[in-house]
Amino acid sequence: MRTPTVEFDCAECGSRVSADASAASATCTRCGASRELTPAGLAPSGGLLGCRVCGHLELYTRKDFPKPLGFAIVIVAAILAPFTNYISLGVAALLDFALYFTMPELVACYVCDARHRGFPAEPRHPRFDREIDERLKYGRRAVMGKPMREGGTAGAPEPEH
């Protein structure tokens, strides 16, 4: 199992800051700005109850996959498609399928987009839910039927869509 880490964007310069999850604070290597990490986000088992950066309780699970690599695979497959009788598209789909099942998951925060890696799976956070995202972005202007979950997403069911 990986050592738990948290990664977020620096509020001062926008560069990516990475810190050990057990640390009390994290310092940006580019500008030197320091940010306290929230201890309340940890469960007694070591899992995440809330974000270690902003303390918000709404988190979601996604695959820890670099998006530029995914785009590169698709673009190369599309460029090679006419020359390979479109077999390259099938190979790209098989590669995508294999990567989906081999890549680890990370837990991300809806509010500050902090990425938490290597934490225990329990409590489990559901995958991305557009409803929660829109409620947090637009507040009362978001027209949704269900209220926010009390206590955040820890142990919540998967979204219905």
N, C-alpha and C. Protein backbone atom coordinates (compact mmCIF):
# COMPACT_ATOMS: atom_id res chain seq x y z
N MET A 1 0.84 -1.19 0.00
CA MET A 1 0.00 0.00 0.00
C MET A 1 0.88 1.25 0.00
N ARG A 2 0.45 2.25 -0.74
CA ARG A 2 1.20 3.49 -0.85
C ARG A 2 1.08 4.32 0.42
N THR A 3 2.07 5.15 0.64
CA THR A 3 2.01 6.10 1.75
C THR A 3 0.96 7.15 1.42
N PRO A 4 0.04 7.43 2.33
CA PRO A 4 -0.98 8.44 2.05
C PRO A 4 -0.37 9.82 1.81
N THR A 5 -0.79 10.43 0.72
CA THR A 5 -0.34 11.78 0.39
C THR A 5 -1.54 12.62 -0.01
N VAL A 6 -1.37 13.92 0.08
CA VAL A 6 -2.39 14.85 -0.37
C VAL A 6 -1.71 15.84 -1.32
N GLU A 7 -2.40 16.16 -2.41
CA GLU A 7 -1.86 17.05 -3.43
C GLU A 7 -2.91 18.11 -3.74
N PHE A 8 -2.48 19.37 -3.80
CA PHE A 8 -3.41 20.46 -4.07
C PHE A 8 -2.66 21.59 -4.76
N ASP A 9 -3.42 22.55 -5.28
CA ASP A 9 -2.83 23.70 -5.95
C ASP A 9 -2.58 24.80 -4.93
N CYS A 10 -1.39 25.42 -5.01
CA CYS A 10 -1.02 26.50 -4.09
C CYS A 10 -1.94 27.70 -4.32
N ALA A 11 -2.43 28.28 -3.24
CA ALA A 11 -3.33 29.43 -3.34
C ALA A 11 -2.59 30.68 -3.80
N GLU A 12 -1.28 30.74 -3.59
CA GLU A 12 -0.49 31.92 -3.94
C GLU A 12 -0.04 31.91 -5.40
N CYS A 13 0.58 30.80 -5.84
CA CYS A 13 1.17 30.78 -7.18
C CYS A 13 0.52 29.78 -8.13
N GLY A 14 -0.34 28.89 -7.63
CA GLY A 14 -1.04 27.94 -8.48
C GLY A 14 -0.28 26.68 -8.81
N SER A 15 0.96 26.55 -8.32
CA SER A 15 1.71 25.32 -8.60
C SER A 15 1.21 24.19 -7.72
N ARG A 16 1.51 22.97 -8.12
CA ARG A 16 1.03 21.79 -7.40
C ARG A 16 1.89 21.54 -6.16
N VAL A 17 1.22 21.35 -5.02
CA VAL A 17 1.89 21.08 -3.75
C VAL A 17 1.53 19.66 -3.33
N SER A 18 2.54 18.89 -2.94
CA SER A 18 2.31 17.52 -2.48
C SER A 18 2.90 17.39 -1.09
N ALA A 19 2.16 16.70 -0.20
CA ALA A 19 2.63 16.54 1.17
C ALA A 19 2.21 15.18 1.71
N ASP A 20 2.97 14.70 2.65
CA ASP A 20 2.62 13.48 3.37
C ASP A 20 1.34 13.77 4.15
N ALA A 21 0.40 12.84 4.12
CA ALA A 21 -0.90 13.08 4.74
C ALA A 21 -0.82 13.20 6.26
N SER A 22 0.23 12.69 6.87
CA SER A 22 0.35 12.79 8.32
C SER A 22 0.93 14.13 8.77
N ALA A 23 1.39 14.94 7.82
CA ALA A 23 1.98 16.24 8.16
C ALA A 23 0.91 17.21 8.65
N ALA A 24 1.32 18.16 9.47
CA ALA A 24 0.39 19.17 9.98
C ALA A 24 0.22 20.31 9.00
N SER A 25 1.22 20.53 8.13
CA SER A 25 1.14 21.59 7.14
C SER A 25 1.92 21.19 5.90
N ALA A 26 1.71 21.93 4.83
CA ALA A 26 2.41 21.69 3.57
C ALA A 26 2.96 23.02 3.06
N THR A 27 4.16 22.98 2.50
CA THR A 27 4.80 24.20 2.00
C THR A 27 5.04 24.07 0.50
N CYS A 28 4.71 25.13 -0.22
CA CYS A 28 4.92 25.17 -1.67
C CYS A 28 6.41 25.29 -1.95
N THR A 29 6.93 24.43 -2.82
CA THR A 29 8.35 24.47 -3.15
C THR A 29 8.68 25.62 -4.09
N ARG A 30 7.68 26.19 -4.74
CA ARG A 30 7.92 27.26 -5.70
C ARG A 30 7.94 28.64 -5.03
N CYS A 31 6.91 28.94 -4.22
CA CYS A 31 6.82 30.29 -3.63
C CYS A 31 7.04 30.30 -2.12
N GLY A 32 7.05 29.13 -1.48
CA GLY A 32 7.29 29.06 -0.04
C GLY A 32 6.07 29.26 0.83
N ALA A 33 4.89 29.42 0.21
CA ALA A 33 3.66 29.60 0.99
C ALA A 33 3.35 28.32 1.75
N SER A 34 2.89 28.46 2.99
CA SER A 34 2.57 27.31 3.82
C SER A 34 1.07 27.24 4.06
N ARG A 35 0.55 26.04 4.13
CA ARG A 35 -0.88 25.84 4.38
C ARG A 35 -1.06 24.73 5.40
N GLU A 36 -1.89 24.99 6.39
CA GLU A 36 -2.19 23.99 7.41
C GLU A 36 -3.08 22.91 6.82
N LEU A 37 -2.84 21.66 7.18
CA LEU A 37 -3.71 20.56 6.77
C LEU A 37 -4.68 20.27 7.89
N THR A 38 -5.94 20.00 7.54
CA THR A 38 -7.00 19.80 8.52
C THR A 38 -6.94 18.40 9.11
N PRO A 39 -6.73 18.28 10.42
CA PRO A 39 -6.69 16.94 11.03
C PRO A 39 -8.07 16.31 11.16
N ALA A 40 -9.13 17.11 11.12
CA ALA A 40 -10.48 16.60 11.32
C ALA A 40 -10.94 15.71 10.17
N GLY A 41 -10.23 15.72 9.05
CA GLY A 41 -10.64 14.93 7.91
C GLY A 41 -10.29 13.46 7.99
N LEU A 42 -9.62 13.02 9.07
CA LEU A 42 -9.21 11.62 9.18
C LEU A 42 -10.11 10.83 10.11
N ALA A 43 -10.45 9.61 9.69
CA ALA A 43 -11.22 8.68 10.53
C ALA A 43 -10.24 8.00 11.48
N PRO A 44 -10.72 7.42 12.57
CA PRO A 44 -9.82 6.69 13.48
C PRO A 44 -9.05 5.56 12.78
N SER A 45 -9.65 4.98 11.73
CA SER A 45 -9.00 3.89 10.99
C SER A 45 -7.94 4.41 10.01
N GLY A 46 -7.85 5.74 9.85
CA GLY A 46 -6.90 6.32 8.91
C GLY A 46 -7.52 6.71 7.59
N GLY A 47 -8.79 6.34 7.37
CA GLY A 47 -9.49 6.71 6.15
C GLY A 47 -9.91 8.17 6.17
N LEU A 48 -10.46 8.62 5.06
CA LEU A 48 -10.85 10.02 4.93
C LEU A 48 -12.31 10.23 5.26
N LEU A 49 -12.58 11.18 6.14
CA LEU A 49 -13.95 11.63 6.40
C LEU A 49 -14.21 12.93 5.65
N GLY A 50 -13.18 13.72 5.48
CA GLY A 50 -13.28 15.00 4.81
C GLY A 50 -11.94 15.36 4.19
N CYS A 51 -11.91 16.46 3.48
CA CYS A 51 -10.71 16.92 2.80
C CYS A 51 -9.65 17.35 3.81
N ARG A 52 -8.42 16.93 3.60
CA ARG A 52 -7.32 17.31 4.49
C ARG A 52 -6.88 18.75 4.25
N VAL A 53 -7.24 19.33 3.11
CA VAL A 53 -6.81 20.69 2.79
C VAL A 53 -7.83 21.72 3.27
N CYS A 54 -9.10 21.57 2.85
CA CYS A 54 -10.10 22.58 3.20
C CYS A 54 -11.08 22.10 4.28
N GLY A 55 -11.08 20.81 4.59
CA GLY A 55 -11.95 20.28 5.63
C GLY A 55 -13.37 19.96 5.18
N HIS A 56 -13.68 20.19 3.90
CA HIS A 56 -15.04 19.94 3.41
C HIS A 56 -15.33 18.44 3.41
N LEU A 57 -16.58 18.08 3.70
CA LEU A 57 -16.96 16.68 3.83
C LEU A 57 -17.36 16.00 2.53
N GLU A 58 -17.56 16.76 1.47
CA GLU A 58 -18.00 16.19 0.19
C GLU A 58 -16.78 15.81 -0.66
N LEU A 59 -16.54 14.51 -0.80
CA LEU A 59 -15.43 13.98 -1.57
C LEU A 59 -15.95 12.96 -2.58
N TYR A 60 -15.18 12.70 -3.62
CA TYR A 60 -15.57 11.68 -4.60
C TYR A 60 -14.34 10.85 -4.99
N THR A 61 -14.61 9.64 -5.48
CA THR A 61 -13.56 8.71 -5.89
C THR A 61 -13.46 8.70 -7.41
N ARG A 62 -12.23 8.71 -7.92
CA ARG A 62 -12.00 8.60 -9.36
C ARG A 62 -10.69 7.86 -9.58
N LYS A 63 -10.44 7.47 -10.82
CA LYS A 63 -9.20 6.78 -11.17
C LYS A 63 -8.05 7.79 -11.18
N ASP A 64 -6.89 7.35 -10.73
CA ASP A 64 -5.69 8.18 -10.71
C ASP A 64 -4.97 8.01 -12.04
N PHE A 65 -5.50 8.63 -13.07
CA PHE A 65 -4.98 8.47 -14.42
C PHE A 65 -4.68 9.84 -15.00
N PRO A 66 -3.48 10.05 -15.56
CA PRO A 66 -3.15 11.34 -16.15
C PRO A 66 -3.94 11.57 -17.44
N LYS A 67 -4.76 12.60 -17.46
CA LYS A 67 -5.60 12.88 -18.63
C LYS A 67 -4.80 13.11 -19.91
N PRO A 68 -3.66 13.80 -19.87
CA PRO A 68 -2.90 13.97 -21.12
C PRO A 68 -2.49 12.64 -21.76
N LEU A 69 -2.20 11.64 -20.95
CA LEU A 69 -1.85 10.32 -21.50
C LEU A 69 -3.06 9.71 -22.22
N GLY A 70 -4.24 9.85 -21.65
CA GLY A 70 -5.45 9.35 -22.28
C GLY A 70 -5.71 10.02 -23.62
N PHE A 71 -5.56 11.35 -23.65
CA PHE A 71 -5.74 12.08 -24.90
C PHE A 71 -4.69 11.65 -25.93
N ALA A 72 -3.46 11.46 -25.50
CA ALA A 72 -2.40 11.05 -26.43
C ALA A 72 -2.70 9.69 -27.04
N ILE A 73 -3.19 8.75 -26.25
CA ILE A 73 -3.53 7.42 -26.76
C ILE A 73 -4.61 7.52 -27.83
N VAL A 74 -5.64 8.31 -27.57
CA VAL A 74 -6.75 8.46 -28.52
C VAL A 74 -6.28 9.16 -29.80
N ILE A 75 -5.49 10.21 -29.65
CA ILE A 75 -5.02 10.95 -30.83
C ILE A 75 -4.12 10.08 -31.70
N VAL A 76 -3.20 9.35 -31.10
CA VAL A 76 -2.31 8.47 -31.87
C VAL A 76 -3.13 7.39 -32.57
N ALA A 77 -4.10 6.81 -31.87
CA ALA A 77 -4.94 5.77 -32.48
C ALA A 77 -5.75 6.34 -33.64
N ALA A 78 -6.26 7.57 -33.48
CA ALA A 78 -7.05 8.19 -34.55
C ALA A 78 -6.18 8.51 -35.77
N ILE A 79 -4.97 8.98 -35.53
CA ILE A 79 -4.07 9.29 -36.65
C ILE A 79 -3.67 8.02 -37.40
N LEU A 80 -3.42 6.95 -36.66
CA LEU A 80 -3.01 5.69 -37.28
C LEU A 80 -4.18 4.90 -37.88
N ALA A 81 -5.40 5.26 -37.55
CA ALA A 81 -6.57 4.48 -37.96
C ALA A 81 -6.65 4.21 -39.46
N PRO A 82 -6.52 5.22 -40.33
CA PRO A 82 -6.63 4.92 -41.77
C PRO A 82 -5.53 4.00 -42.30
N PHE A 83 -4.37 4.03 -41.66
CA PHE A 83 -3.23 3.22 -42.12
C PHE A 83 -3.25 1.81 -41.56
N THR A 84 -4.05 1.57 -40.54
CA THR A 84 -4.10 0.25 -39.89
C THR A 84 -5.46 -0.41 -40.05
N ASN A 85 -6.24 0.06 -41.03
CA ASN A 85 -7.61 -0.43 -41.22
C ASN A 85 -8.42 -0.32 -39.93
N TYR A 86 -8.18 0.75 -39.21
CA TYR A 86 -8.91 1.10 -37.97
C TYR A 86 -8.68 0.11 -36.82
N ILE A 87 -7.70 -0.75 -36.97
CA ILE A 87 -7.36 -1.68 -35.88
C ILE A 87 -6.78 -0.91 -34.69
N SER A 88 -6.10 0.20 -34.98
CA SER A 88 -5.50 0.99 -33.89
C SER A 88 -6.56 1.50 -32.91
N LEU A 89 -7.78 1.74 -33.39
CA LEU A 89 -8.85 2.17 -32.48
C LEU A 89 -9.24 1.05 -31.53
N GLY A 90 -9.27 -0.18 -32.03
CA GLY A 90 -9.56 -1.33 -31.17
C GLY A 90 -8.46 -1.56 -30.15
N VAL A 91 -7.20 -1.38 -30.60
CA VAL A 91 -6.07 -1.52 -29.68
C VAL A 91 -6.13 -0.45 -28.60
N ALA A 92 -6.49 0.77 -28.98
CA ALA A 92 -6.62 1.85 -27.99
C ALA A 92 -7.73 1.54 -27.00
N ALA A 93 -8.83 0.96 -27.48
CA ALA A 93 -9.93 0.60 -26.58
C ALA A 93 -9.50 -0.50 -25.61
N LEU A 94 -8.76 -1.49 -26.10
CA LEU A 94 -8.25 -2.55 -25.22
C LEU A 94 -7.26 -2.00 -24.20
N LEU A 95 -6.40 -1.09 -24.64
CA LEU A 95 -5.45 -0.45 -23.73
C LEU A 95 -6.18 0.35 -22.66
N ASP A 96 -7.21 1.08 -23.06
CA ASP A 96 -8.03 1.84 -22.12
C ASP A 96 -8.70 0.92 -21.11
N PHE A 97 -9.22 -0.19 -21.59
CA PHE A 97 -9.88 -1.18 -20.72
C PHE A 97 -8.88 -1.73 -19.70
N ALA A 98 -7.68 -2.07 -20.16
CA ALA A 98 -6.65 -2.61 -19.26
C ALA A 98 -6.21 -1.57 -18.24
N LEU A 99 -6.02 -0.34 -18.69
CA LEU A 99 -5.60 0.72 -17.77
C LEU A 99 -6.66 1.01 -16.72
N TYR A 100 -7.93 0.95 -17.11
CA TYR A 100 -9.02 1.22 -16.17
C TYR A 100 -8.96 0.27 -14.97
N PHE A 101 -8.67 -1.00 -15.24
CA PHE A 101 -8.67 -1.97 -14.15
C PHE A 101 -7.35 -2.04 -13.39
N THR A 102 -6.28 -1.45 -13.93
CA THR A 102 -5.00 -1.50 -13.23
C THR A 102 -4.64 -0.21 -12.50
N MET A 103 -5.24 0.90 -12.87
CA MET A 103 -4.91 2.18 -12.24
C MET A 103 -5.53 2.26 -10.85
N PRO A 104 -4.80 2.82 -9.88
CA PRO A 104 -5.36 2.97 -8.53
C PRO A 104 -6.39 4.09 -8.50
N GLU A 105 -7.13 4.15 -7.42
CA GLU A 105 -8.12 5.22 -7.26
C GLU A 105 -7.58 6.29 -6.34
N LEU A 106 -8.09 7.49 -6.50
CA LEU A 106 -7.79 8.58 -5.59
C LEU A 106 -9.10 9.20 -5.15
N VAL A 107 -9.06 9.92 -4.06
CA VAL A 107 -10.24 10.61 -3.54
C VAL A 107 -9.99 12.10 -3.73
N ALA A 108 -10.92 12.78 -4.38
CA ALA A 108 -10.78 14.21 -4.66
C ALA A 108 -11.86 15.01 -3.96
N CYS A 109 -11.56 16.26 -3.70
CA CYS A 109 -12.49 17.17 -3.02
C CYS A 109 -13.28 17.96 -4.06
N TYR A 110 -14.58 18.06 -3.87
CA TYR A 110 -15.42 18.85 -4.77
C TYR A 110 -15.08 20.33 -4.69
N VAL A 111 -14.70 20.83 -3.52
CA VAL A 111 -14.52 22.26 -3.30
C VAL A 111 -13.16 22.75 -3.77
N CYS A 112 -12.07 22.16 -3.27
CA CYS A 112 -10.73 22.68 -3.58
C CYS A 112 -9.96 21.79 -4.56
N ASP A 113 -10.54 20.68 -4.98
CA ASP A 113 -9.94 19.75 -5.93
C ASP A 113 -8.64 19.12 -5.42
N ALA A 114 -8.48 19.04 -4.10
CA ALA A 114 -7.32 18.35 -3.54
C ALA A 114 -7.43 16.87 -3.86
N ARG A 115 -6.29 16.23 -4.13
CA ARG A 115 -6.27 14.82 -4.48
C ARG A 115 -5.59 14.04 -3.36
N HIS A 116 -6.31 13.07 -2.80
CA HIS A 116 -5.82 12.26 -1.69
C HIS A 116 -5.50 10.87 -2.21
N ARG A 117 -4.24 10.45 -2.07
CA ARG A 117 -3.81 9.15 -2.59
C ARG A 117 -3.32 8.27 -1.45
N GLY A 118 -3.56 6.95 -1.58
CA GLY A 118 -2.98 5.98 -0.66
C GLY A 118 -3.70 5.81 0.66
N PHE A 119 -4.86 6.41 0.83
CA PHE A 119 -5.62 6.27 2.08
C PHE A 119 -6.37 4.95 2.09
N PRO A 120 -6.68 4.40 3.27
CA PRO A 120 -7.51 3.19 3.33
C PRO A 120 -8.85 3.41 2.62
N ALA A 121 -9.41 2.34 2.07
CA ALA A 121 -10.65 2.44 1.29
C ALA A 121 -11.88 2.76 2.13
N GLU A 122 -11.82 2.51 3.42
CA GLU A 122 -12.98 2.78 4.28
C GLU A 122 -12.75 4.03 5.10
N PRO A 123 -13.69 4.93 5.20
CA PRO A 123 -15.00 4.88 4.57
C PRO A 123 -14.90 5.21 3.08
N ARG A 124 -15.70 4.51 2.30
CA ARG A 124 -15.71 4.66 0.85
C ARG A 124 -16.51 5.90 0.45
N HIS A 125 -15.97 6.65 -0.49
CA HIS A 125 -16.68 7.80 -1.05
C HIS A 125 -17.17 7.41 -2.44
N PRO A 126 -18.39 7.80 -2.81
CA PRO A 126 -18.93 7.43 -4.13
C PRO A 126 -18.19 8.15 -5.25
N ARG A 127 -18.43 7.70 -6.49
CA ARG A 127 -17.82 8.36 -7.64
C ARG A 127 -18.43 9.75 -7.81
N PHE A 128 -17.90 10.51 -8.75
CA PHE A 128 -18.32 11.90 -8.98
C PHE A 128 -19.82 11.99 -9.18
N ASP A 129 -20.44 12.95 -8.52
CA ASP A 129 -21.87 13.17 -8.62
C ASP A 129 -22.11 14.61 -9.06
N ARG A 130 -22.61 14.79 -10.28
CA ARG A 130 -22.84 16.12 -10.84
C ARG A 130 -23.77 16.95 -9.95
N GLU A 131 -24.72 16.30 -9.32
CA GLU A 131 -25.67 16.99 -8.45
C GLU A 131 -24.96 17.70 -7.30
N ILE A 132 -24.05 17.00 -6.64
CA ILE A 132 -23.30 17.61 -5.53
C ILE A 132 -22.42 18.73 -6.06
N ASP A 133 -21.75 18.50 -7.19
CA ASP A 133 -20.88 19.51 -7.77
C ASP A 133 -21.64 20.79 -8.08
N GLU A 134 -22.82 20.67 -8.69
CA GLU A 134 -23.60 21.86 -9.03
C GLU A 134 -24.14 22.56 -7.79
N ARG A 135 -24.53 21.82 -6.78
CA ARG A 135 -25.00 22.45 -5.55
C ARG A 135 -23.89 23.25 -4.88
N LEU A 136 -22.68 22.72 -4.91
CA LEU A 136 -21.56 23.43 -4.29
C LEU A 136 -21.14 24.64 -5.12
N LYS A 137 -21.23 24.56 -6.44
CA LYS A 137 -20.85 25.68 -7.30
C LYS A 137 -21.91 26.78 -7.32
N TYR A 138 -23.18 26.38 -7.42
CA TYR A 138 -24.23 27.37 -7.65
C TYR A 138 -25.12 27.62 -6.44
N GLY A 139 -24.96 26.85 -5.38
CA GLY A 139 -25.72 27.08 -4.16
C GLY A 139 -27.22 26.99 -4.38
N ARG A 140 -27.94 27.99 -3.92
CA ARG A 140 -29.40 27.99 -4.02
C ARG A 140 -29.89 28.09 -5.47
N ARG A 141 -29.03 28.55 -6.38
CA ARG A 141 -29.45 28.65 -7.78
C ARG A 141 -29.51 27.29 -8.45
N ALA A 142 -28.87 26.28 -7.87
CA ALA A 142 -28.93 24.93 -8.44
C ALA A 142 -30.32 24.36 -8.19
N VAL A 143 -30.98 23.94 -9.24
CA VAL A 143 -32.33 23.41 -9.11
C VAL A 143 -32.23 21.90 -9.02
N MET A 144 -32.25 21.39 -7.81
CA MET A 144 -32.15 19.96 -7.57
C MET A 144 -33.20 19.57 -6.55
N GLY A 145 -33.62 18.33 -6.58
CA GLY A 145 -34.68 17.89 -5.70
C GLY A 145 -34.25 17.37 -4.35
N LYS A 146 -33.02 16.83 -4.24
CA LYS A 146 -32.60 16.21 -2.99
C LYS A 146 -31.70 17.15 -2.19
N PRO A 147 -31.83 17.15 -0.87
CA PRO A 147 -30.92 17.96 -0.05
C PRO A 147 -29.54 17.32 0.01
N MET A 148 -28.55 18.10 0.43
CA MET A 148 -27.19 17.58 0.59
C MET A 148 -27.19 16.52 1.68
N ARG A 149 -26.27 15.56 1.58
CA ARG A 149 -26.16 14.51 2.59
C ARG A 149 -25.60 15.09 3.88
N GLU A 150 -26.22 14.77 4.97
CA GLU A 150 -25.69 15.20 6.26
C GLU A 150 -24.46 14.36 6.58
N GLY A 151 -23.37 14.99 6.95
CA GLY A 151 -22.15 14.26 7.28
C GLY A 151 -21.26 13.99 6.09
N GLY A 152 -21.57 14.52 4.91
CA GLY A 152 -20.72 14.35 3.75
C GLY A 152 -20.91 13.04 3.02
N THR A 153 -19.91 12.66 2.23
CA THR A 153 -20.03 11.50 1.35
C THR A 153 -19.43 10.23 1.93
N ALA A 154 -18.84 10.26 3.11
CA ALA A 154 -18.22 9.07 3.69
C ALA A 154 -19.26 7.97 3.88
N GLY A 155 -19.07 6.86 3.19
CA GLY A 155 -19.99 5.72 3.29
C GLY A 155 -21.30 5.91 2.55
N ALA A 156 -21.41 6.94 1.71
CA ALA A 156 -22.65 7.21 0.99
C ALA A 156 -22.79 6.27 -0.21
N PRO A 157 -24.02 6.05 -0.69
CA PRO A 157 -24.22 5.19 -1.86
C PRO A 157 -23.75 5.89 -3.14
N GLU A 158 -23.57 5.10 -4.19
CA GLU A 158 -23.19 5.64 -5.49
C GLU A 158 -24.33 6.49 -6.05
N PRO A 159 -24.01 7.50 -6.90
CA PRO A 159 -25.08 8.30 -7.50
C PRO A 159 -25.97 7.44 -8.39
N GLU A 160 -27.19 7.91 -8.62
CA GLU A 160 -28.19 7.11 -9.34
C GLU A 160 -28.07 7.19 -10.85
N HIS A 161 -27.20 7.98 -11.40
CA HIS A 161 -27.11 8.12 -12.85
C HIS A 161 -26.00 7.33 -13.45
